Amino acid sequence: MFLERGFDTVTVTEVAREAGVSAVTVFKHFPRKEDLLLDREVDAAGLLRSAVRDRAPDTGVLESLRDMALRLLDERHALSGLKEGSAPFFRTVAASPALVARAREIASDLQQALAEDLERDPAFDGDAPLLAAFFIAGYTTVLVRTARRLIAGEPADAVADDHRARLERLFDALGSGVVP
C-alpha cells in the first residue's frame, strides 16, 4: 500500500485491517508508523556491531567495516541499496518527509551505537565518535546517490560499479584521516 499510494496517505488502521490485526497490535510490533517500512535498523546495528566485535584479532576495525560494506554490495543486500526492485522503495521514502526524518534518526542511532562499540574496543585507538560520524555519513551519502541513480532508471550494474568506487574512496579517506 505504501509503495502504491504513498506512505503519508496510508493509515496504520488500513495496514492493520489489511493484515487482519488491530492497530494496537501493529504498534506493539512497530513503535512508529515509519518503522513499518524502515525496518532494517536492528539488522544494520547487528552488522556494525559484528564488524567491530567479531573481527579477527589481526584485522583492524576499518578493514572489517570495509569488508562488511563490500559484502553487502556483492550480495546486493537491501542495506546496500542495490537489492533488485529497490527503486519503488526509494521513491516512497524520498516522497515522505516523515520517512526521510526517520531515516536520519536511524542514522544518528547507528552512529551512536558504532561509537560506543568502538570506545569499548581495546584494540581500537582512534577517535571513536569521529570515525563513527564519518563512516555513517559517508555510507549514507553513497547510499543516497545509489538510490537517486536507481530511481532515475540507470542500469543496476553501472550503479553498482559507482557504488563500489565511492565506497573505496570513502574507506581511503577514512584510512588516511581518521584511523591511525
Protein backbone atom coordinates (compact mmCIF):
# COMPACT_ATOMS: atom_id res chain seq x y z
CA MET A 1 0.00 0.00 0.00
CA PHE A 2 2.82 2.41 0.86
CA LEU A 3 4.53 1.82 -2.47
CA GLU A 4 1.28 2.11 -4.43
CA ARG A 5 -0.33 5.11 -2.70
CA GLY A 6 2.49 6.82 -0.85
CA PHE A 7 3.48 6.46 2.76
CA ASP A 8 1.78 9.58 4.07
CA THR A 9 -1.65 8.72 2.61
CA VAL A 10 -1.89 5.21 4.12
CA THR A 11 -3.02 4.95 7.74
CA VAL A 12 -1.94 2.42 10.32
CA THR A 13 -5.59 1.40 10.61
CA GLU A 14 -5.58 0.48 6.90
CA VAL A 15 -2.37 -1.53 7.34
CA ALA A 16 -3.83 -3.31 10.36
CA ARG A 17 -7.07 -4.10 8.54
CA GLU A 18 -5.12 -5.50 5.56
CA ALA A 19 -3.03 -7.64 7.94
CA GLY A 20 -6.10 -8.82 9.84
CA VAL A 21 -4.99 -7.35 13.17
CA SER A 22 -5.76 -4.29 15.26
CA ALA A 23 -3.83 -1.02 15.10
CA VAL A 24 -2.75 -1.70 18.70
CA THR A 25 -1.16 -4.96 17.56
CA VAL A 26 0.67 -3.16 14.76
CA PHE A 27 2.09 -0.67 17.25
CA LYS A 28 3.18 -3.49 19.59
CA HIS A 29 5.49 -4.73 16.82
CA PHE A 30 6.33 -1.39 15.19
CA PRO A 31 6.58 1.54 17.62
CA ARG A 32 6.19 4.08 14.79
CA LYS A 33 4.37 4.02 11.52
CA GLU A 34 7.70 4.77 9.77
CA ASP A 35 9.15 1.55 11.17
CA LEU A 36 6.68 -0.46 9.10
CA LEU A 37 8.75 0.50 6.05
CA LEU A 38 12.14 1.32 7.58
CA ASP A 39 12.51 -1.96 9.40
CA ARG A 40 16.23 -2.72 8.95
CA GLU A 41 17.70 -0.75 11.88
CA VAL A 42 18.24 -3.85 14.01
CA ASP A 43 19.93 -5.62 11.09
CA ALA A 44 22.18 -2.62 10.41
CA ALA A 45 23.14 -2.30 14.08
CA GLY A 46 23.94 -6.01 14.20
CA LEU A 47 26.17 -5.78 11.15
CA LEU A 48 28.07 -2.81 12.59
CA ARG A 49 28.39 -4.49 15.98
CA SER A 50 29.69 -7.66 14.37
CA ALA A 51 32.19 -5.74 12.24
CA VAL A 52 33.67 -4.28 15.42
CA ARG A 53 33.28 -7.10 17.94
CA ASP A 54 33.65 -10.23 15.82
CA ARG A 55 36.60 -9.31 13.64
CA ALA A 56 39.75 -11.39 13.69
CA PRO A 57 42.42 -10.21 16.14
CA ASP A 58 44.74 -9.14 13.31
CA THR A 59 42.01 -7.22 11.44
CA GLY A 60 41.58 -3.51 12.01
CA VAL A 61 38.14 -2.05 12.51
CA LEU A 62 38.30 -0.04 9.30
CA GLU A 63 39.18 -3.14 7.26
CA SER A 64 36.32 -5.00 8.92
CA LEU A 65 33.82 -2.22 8.15
CA ARG A 66 35.09 -2.09 4.57
CA ASP A 67 34.71 -5.86 4.17
CA MET A 68 31.16 -5.65 5.54
CA ALA A 69 30.19 -2.81 3.18
CA LEU A 70 31.62 -4.58 0.14
CA ARG A 71 29.97 -7.85 1.13
CA LEU A 72 26.59 -6.08 1.30
CA LEU A 73 27.28 -4.65 -2.16
CA ASP A 74 28.33 -8.01 -3.62
CA GLU A 75 25.24 -9.71 -2.15
CA ARG A 76 23.00 -6.87 -3.38
CA HIS A 77 21.71 -6.77 0.19
CA ALA A 78 18.87 -4.37 0.94
CA LEU A 79 21.19 -2.35 3.19
CA SER A 80 23.48 -1.72 0.24
CA GLY A 81 20.63 -0.07 -1.62
CA LEU A 82 21.22 -2.39 -4.55
CA LYS A 83 18.65 -5.08 -3.90
CA GLU A 84 16.67 -5.77 -7.04
CA GLY A 85 13.46 -3.79 -7.14
CA SER A 86 14.63 -1.11 -4.67
CA ALA A 87 13.63 1.90 -6.78
CA PRO A 88 9.93 1.95 -5.69
CA PHE A 89 11.03 1.77 -2.05
CA PHE A 90 13.44 4.67 -2.54
CA ARG A 91 10.77 6.71 -4.34
CA THR A 92 8.39 6.16 -1.43
CA VAL A 93 10.97 7.20 1.15
CA ALA A 94 12.07 10.27 -0.82
CA ALA A 95 8.45 11.44 -1.18
CA SER A 96 7.75 11.34 2.55
CA PRO A 97 9.20 13.93 4.94
CA ALA A 98 8.32 11.60 7.83
CA LEU A 99 10.33 8.74 6.33
CA VAL A 100 13.29 10.99 5.49
CA ALA A 101 13.29 12.28 9.07
CA ARG A 102 13.08 8.74 10.48
CA ALA A 103 15.94 7.60 8.21
CA ARG A 104 18.07 10.43 9.61
CA GLU A 105 17.13 9.44 13.13
CA ILE A 106 18.13 5.84 12.43
CA ALA A 107 21.48 7.03 11.04
CA SER A 108 22.06 9.03 14.21
CA ASP A 109 21.22 6.00 16.37
CA LEU A 110 23.58 3.80 14.33
CA GLN A 111 26.33 6.40 14.63
CA GLN A 112 25.94 6.46 18.42
CA ALA A 113 25.92 2.67 18.66
CA LEU A 114 29.03 2.37 16.47
CA ALA A 115 30.86 5.00 18.51
CA GLU A 116 30.03 3.14 21.72
CA ASP A 117 31.26 -0.18 20.32
CA LEU A 118 34.48 1.44 19.12
CA GLU A 119 35.06 3.10 22.50
CA ARG A 120 34.69 -0.29 24.24
CA ASP A 121 37.09 -1.96 21.82
CA PRO A 122 40.56 -2.19 23.44
CA ALA A 123 42.20 -2.81 20.05
CA PHE A 124 40.87 0.45 18.57
CA ASP A 125 42.96 3.50 19.36
CA GLY A 126 41.37 6.07 17.05
CA ASP A 127 38.76 8.74 17.62
CA ALA A 128 35.63 6.60 18.02
CA PRO A 129 32.97 9.34 17.74
CA LEU A 130 34.71 10.88 14.74
CA LEU A 131 35.12 7.59 12.88
CA ALA A 132 31.51 6.63 13.61
CA ALA A 133 30.27 10.01 12.36
CA PHE A 134 32.36 9.93 9.19
CA PHE A 135 31.54 6.30 8.44
CA ILE A 136 27.78 6.67 8.87
CA ALA A 137 27.67 9.98 6.99
CA GLY A 138 29.86 8.61 4.21
CA TYR A 139 27.91 5.38 3.86
CA THR A 140 24.65 7.34 3.87
CA THR A 141 25.98 9.61 1.12
CA VAL A 142 26.94 6.61 -1.02
CA LEU A 143 23.54 5.02 -0.38
CA VAL A 144 21.59 8.18 -1.26
CA ARG A 145 23.44 8.58 -4.56
CA THR A 146 22.80 4.92 -5.33
CA ALA A 147 19.10 5.41 -4.59
CA ARG A 148 18.87 8.52 -6.77
CA ARG A 149 20.51 6.77 -9.70
CA LEU A 150 18.23 3.74 -9.39
CA ILE A 151 15.16 6.00 -9.19
CA ALA A 152 16.40 7.69 -12.37
CA GLY A 153 16.37 4.30 -14.09
CA GLU A 154 20.12 3.88 -14.56
CA PRO A 155 21.33 0.30 -15.17
CA ALA A 156 21.90 -1.58 -11.91
CA ASP A 157 25.38 -2.77 -12.90
CA ALA A 158 26.58 0.77 -13.62
CA VAL A 159 25.10 1.96 -10.33
CA ALA A 160 26.81 -0.90 -8.50
CA ASP A 161 30.16 -0.02 -10.08
CA ASP A 162 29.77 3.59 -8.96
CA HIS A 163 28.68 2.42 -5.50
CA ARG A 164 31.85 0.31 -5.19
CA ALA A 165 34.11 3.15 -6.38
CA ARG A 166 32.55 5.56 -3.91
CA LEU A 167 32.88 3.05 -1.05
CA GLU A 168 36.56 2.64 -1.91
CA ARG A 169 37.03 6.43 -1.85
CA LEU A 170 35.22 6.60 1.48
CA PHE A 171 37.49 4.00 3.06
CA ASP A 172 40.60 5.57 1.55
CA ALA A 173 39.61 8.87 3.13
CA LEU A 174 38.80 7.27 6.47
CA GLY A 175 42.09 5.38 6.48
CA SER A 176 44.18 8.41 5.80
CA GLY A 177 42.39 10.84 8.03
CA VAL A 178 40.55 9.25 10.96
CA VAL A 179 42.19 5.96 11.84
CA PRO A 180 45.85 6.00 12.93
